[in-house]
Protein backbone atom coordinates (compact mmCIF):
# COMPACT_ATOMS: atom_id res chain seq x y z
CA MET A 1 3.63 12.01 14.26
CA SER A 2 4.23 15.95 14.54
CA ASP A 3 6.06 18.17 11.33
CA ILE A 4 8.79 18.83 13.89
CA ALA A 5 8.77 14.73 14.38
CA GLY A 6 9.04 13.63 10.70
CA ILE A 7 11.25 16.74 9.78
CA THR A 8 13.62 15.03 12.44
CA GLU A 9 13.35 11.52 11.08
CA ARG A 10 13.87 12.84 7.47
CA LEU A 11 16.90 14.66 8.64
CA VAL A 12 18.30 11.64 10.80
CA ARG A 13 17.61 8.98 7.93
CA PHE A 14 19.46 11.65 5.35
CA ARG A 15 22.34 11.83 8.06
CA ASP A 16 22.51 7.95 8.39
CA GLU A 17 22.72 7.38 5.00
CA ARG A 18 25.54 9.19 4.55
CA ASP A 19 27.19 7.57 7.80
CA TRP A 20 27.62 10.82 8.92
CA GLU A 21 26.69 10.58 12.58
CA LYS A 22 30.11 10.37 13.80
CA PHE A 23 30.32 13.73 12.69
CA HIS A 24 27.13 14.88 14.50
CA ASN A 25 28.06 15.28 18.25
CA PRO A 26 26.81 17.50 20.63
CA LYS A 27 29.36 19.92 20.44
CA ASP A 28 30.10 20.05 16.51
CA LEU A 29 26.33 20.45 15.72
CA ALA A 30 26.29 23.39 18.60
CA MET A 31 29.51 25.19 16.69
CA ALA A 32 27.42 24.38 13.07
CA ILE A 33 24.72 26.33 14.43
CA SER A 34 26.48 29.22 15.57
CA ILE A 35 28.46 28.95 12.10
CA GLU A 36 25.20 29.27 10.57
CA ALA A 37 23.93 32.20 12.85
CA GLY A 38 26.88 33.86 11.19
CA GLU A 39 25.78 33.10 7.80
CA LEU A 40 22.37 34.63 8.13
CA MET A 41 23.76 37.28 9.80
CA GLU A 42 26.08 37.75 7.02
CA ALA A 43 23.15 38.05 4.49
CA PHE A 44 22.12 41.34 5.95
CA LEU A 45 25.60 42.86 6.86
CA TRP A 46 25.72 46.61 5.47
CA LYS A 47 22.23 46.73 3.72
CA PRO A 48 18.82 47.49 4.91
CA SER A 49 16.90 44.20 5.79
CA PRO A 50 14.21 44.66 2.97
CA GLU A 51 17.50 44.22 0.57
CA ALA A 52 18.65 40.98 2.16
CA ASP A 53 18.75 37.61 -0.66
CA ILE A 54 15.55 36.06 1.06
CA GLU A 55 16.66 32.85 -0.45
CA ARG A 56 20.09 32.98 1.17
CA VAL A 57 18.23 34.01 4.32
CA LYS A 58 15.53 30.64 4.03
CA ASP A 59 18.79 28.45 3.04
CA GLU A 60 20.66 29.73 6.22
CA LEU A 61 17.48 29.73 8.60
CA ALA A 62 16.85 25.86 7.28
CA ASP A 63 20.19 24.85 8.16
CA ILE A 64 20.28 26.28 11.46
CA LEU A 65 16.71 24.79 12.18
CA SER A 66 18.26 21.44 11.06
CA TYR A 67 20.94 21.56 13.00
CA SER A 68 19.22 22.40 15.80
CA LEU A 69 16.55 19.39 15.40
CA LEU A 70 19.47 16.93 15.28
CA LEU A 71 21.02 18.38 18.72
CA ALA A 72 17.12 18.23 20.19
CA HIS A 73 17.29 14.56 18.98
CA HIS A 74 20.52 13.50 20.42
CA TYR A 75 19.36 14.38 23.94
CA GLY A 76 15.78 13.01 23.39
CA PHE A 77 14.38 16.84 23.74
CA ASP A 78 10.56 17.22 22.70
CA VAL A 79 11.08 20.29 20.48
CA ALA A 80 7.46 21.58 21.06
CA GLY A 81 7.86 20.53 24.71
CA ILE A 82 10.93 22.51 25.28
CA VAL A 83 9.78 25.68 23.31
CA ARG A 84 6.74 25.79 25.25
CA GLU A 85 8.06 25.47 28.46
CA LYS A 86 11.03 28.20 27.54
CA VAL A 87 7.57 30.63 26.68
CA ASP A 88 6.26 30.11 30.03
CA ARG A 89 9.34 30.56 31.59
CA ASN A 90 9.81 33.78 30.09
CA SER A 91 6.37 34.68 30.43
CA LEU A 92 6.64 34.90 34.00
CA ARG A 93 10.01 37.16 33.78
CA TYR A 94 8.64 39.30 30.92
CA PRO A 95 5.08 40.10 32.19
CA VAL A 96 3.29 42.08 30.02
CA GLU A 97 2.19 45.15 32.19
CA LYS A 98 6.23 45.61 32.70
CA SER A 99 8.11 44.62 29.60
CA LYS A 100 5.42 45.87 26.72
CA GLY A 101 7.27 48.45 24.32
CA ASN A 102 10.61 48.02 25.64
CA ALA A 103 13.80 45.75 24.83
CA ARG A 104 15.00 45.98 28.75
CA LYS A 105 16.28 42.47 30.19
CA HIS A 106 14.13 41.35 32.83
CA ASP A 107 16.66 41.84 35.74
CA GLU A 108 15.98 45.78 34.60
CA LEU A 109 12.33 45.86 34.47
């Protein structure tokens, strides 16, 4: 079992023990990811990155990842597989010779 599968299993068990699956529909999980991403951004607001509270960054990132894994679980996605597929697509969209060292979008290269 991969680390991702083990973590997902633990999250699902935690959720199910509390009868929270009814709250974890795709819409609400997507909203929770966005809300937690906002809380992650808040950890950096008005300060240089090195001054962010690293414990808060870890907590918010853990929330984002947890809700993301639960959303992937809902749809039966292979998380490692979909990330690999995305990196493969981005490799084609952002070839090194055109994209190295700049932040332009693929259609502006």
